[in-house]
Protein backbone atom coordinates (compact mmCIF):
# COMPACT_ATOMS: atom_id res chain seq x y z
CA MET A 1 0.00 0.00 0.00
CA THR A 2 1.37 3.41 -0.90
CA THR A 3 1.35 6.18 1.62
CA LEU A 4 -1.23 8.83 0.88
CA GLU A 5 0.20 12.31 1.02
CA ILE A 6 -1.91 14.46 3.30
CA THR A 7 -1.20 18.18 3.27
CA LEU A 8 -2.25 21.35 4.99
CA SER A 9 -3.80 22.68 1.77
CA MET A 10 -5.91 19.52 1.42
CA PHE A 11 -7.17 19.95 4.99
CA ARG A 12 -7.89 23.65 4.50
CA SER A 13 -9.81 22.97 1.28
CA GLN A 14 -12.29 20.83 3.22
CA TYR A 15 -12.39 22.56 6.61
CA PHE A 16 -12.89 26.26 5.96
CA GLU A 17 -14.01 26.82 9.54
CA PHE A 18 -10.38 26.61 10.67
CA ALA A 19 -9.13 29.30 8.28
CA GLU A 20 -8.14 31.56 11.19
CA ILE A 21 -6.02 28.88 12.87
CA PRO A 22 -2.30 29.41 12.13
CA ASP A 23 -0.71 26.93 9.72
CA GLU A 24 1.78 25.82 12.36
CA LEU A 25 -0.97 24.75 14.75
CA VAL A 26 -2.88 22.91 12.02
CA ASN A 27 0.32 21.15 10.93
CA VAL A 28 1.07 20.05 14.50
CA ASN A 29 -2.40 18.53 14.79
CA LEU A 30 -2.18 16.95 11.34
CA ALA A 31 1.14 15.37 12.30
CA LYS A 32 -0.38 14.04 15.53
CA ALA A 33 -3.34 12.56 13.64
CA LEU A 34 -1.01 10.97 11.09
CA ARG A 35 0.84 9.24 13.95
CA VAL A 36 -2.38 8.06 15.63
CA VAL A 37 -4.52 6.93 12.69
CA ASN A 38 -3.47 3.57 11.26
CA GLN A 39 -3.55 3.64 7.44
CA VAL A 40 -3.87 -0.13 7.14
CA THR A 41 -6.87 -0.22 9.47
CA TRP A 42 -8.70 2.78 8.01
CA LYS A 43 -7.96 1.88 4.35
CA ASP A 44 -10.12 4.05 2.05
CA TYR A 45 -11.23 6.17 5.01
CA TYR A 46 -7.69 7.04 6.10
CA GLN A 47 -7.65 10.65 4.87
CA ASP A 48 -11.14 11.25 6.26
CA ALA A 49 -10.10 9.86 9.65
CA VAL A 50 -6.93 11.98 9.75
CA PHE A 51 -8.86 15.12 8.83
CA LEU A 52 -11.68 14.44 11.31
CA LEU A 53 -9.23 13.78 14.14
CA THR A 54 -7.35 16.98 13.25
CA ALA A 55 -10.59 18.97 13.14
CA HIS A 56 -11.69 17.44 16.46
CA GLU A 57 -8.46 18.47 18.16
CA LEU A 58 -8.57 21.98 16.68
CA PHE A 59 -12.20 22.40 17.71
CA LEU A 60 -11.41 21.36 21.29
CA ARG A 61 -8.52 23.82 21.35
CA GLN A 62 -10.86 26.60 20.20
CA GLN A 63 -13.40 25.67 22.88
CA GLU A 64 -10.69 25.67 25.51
CA ALA A 65 -9.67 29.19 24.42
CA VAL A 66 -13.28 30.39 24.67
CA LEU A 67 -13.66 28.75 28.07
CA THR A 68 -10.50 30.46 29.27
CA GLN A 69 -11.66 33.87 28.09
CA VAL A 70 -15.25 33.72 29.28
CA GLN A 71 -15.48 31.67 32.45
CA SER A 72 -14.07 31.99 35.94
CA ALA A 73 -11.14 29.92 37.19
CA ALA A 74 -13.44 27.77 39.35
CA ILE A 75 -15.65 26.83 36.41
CA ARG A 76 -12.57 26.11 34.26
CA GLU A 77 -11.21 23.81 36.97
CA GLN A 78 -14.49 21.91 37.13
CA ALA A 79 -14.64 21.58 33.32
CA ASN A 80 -11.02 20.38 33.18
CA PHE A 81 -11.72 17.83 35.89
CA GLN A 82 -14.72 16.50 33.96
CA THR A 83 -12.69 16.30 30.74
CA LEU A 84 -9.93 14.35 32.47
CA ASN A 85 -12.47 11.80 33.72
CA LEU A 86 -13.51 10.68 30.26
CA THR A 87 -13.12 6.94 30.43
CA ARG A 88 -13.81 5.74 26.89
CA ASP A 89 -12.90 6.85 23.39
CA SER A 90 -16.56 7.58 22.74
CA ASP A 91 -16.62 10.03 25.66
CA TYR A 92 -13.65 11.96 24.31
CA TYR A 93 -14.82 11.96 20.70
CA SER A 94 -18.35 12.98 21.63
CA LEU A 95 -16.99 16.39 22.66
CA SER A 96 -17.26 17.63 19.04
CA HIS A 97 -19.30 16.89 15.96
CA TYR A 98 -16.02 16.03 14.20
CA GLY A 99 -15.33 13.37 16.82
CA LEU A 100 -18.84 12.01 16.43
CA LYS A 101 -18.33 11.78 12.66
CA LEU A 102 -15.06 9.94 13.30
CA LEU A 103 -16.85 7.44 15.56
CA ALA A 104 -19.53 6.91 12.90
CA LEU A 105 -16.83 6.34 10.29
CA LYS A 106 -15.09 3.88 12.63
CA LYS A 107 -18.31 1.80 12.75
CA GLN A 108 -17.99 1.20 9.03
CA LEU A 109 -14.64 -0.59 9.48
CA PRO A 110 -14.18 -4.32 10.11
CA LYS A 111 -14.35 -5.08 13.84
CA SER A 112 -11.51 -7.59 14.15
CA GLY A 113 -8.26 -6.30 15.60
CA PHE A 114 -9.15 -2.63 15.40
CA THR A 115 -6.40 -0.18 16.30
CA TRP A 116 -6.47 3.52 15.62
């Protein structure tokens, strides 16, 4: 199997909502997703999975920034505590619609021996 080249411009062409996020931050999250998502497991959905995981992480970062700006320290602490207590993948990925799409995509894959 050949490695699919996934680039910043490809991500930006599909996820306009992150246009204001600096390239460096998008690239860091793309690189993280590329390390986490297994190309053999995801097969034809590999690029979609990488992009959805990247979008999920960027979305959470944006929400964290909003939370920091708007809410008091006590509320932030409580929210951080709740986030850290997520016990399953589905809990973590349900924090954004991108994560939910990723979980839905995951359901389309063969069940045996699944690894990200």
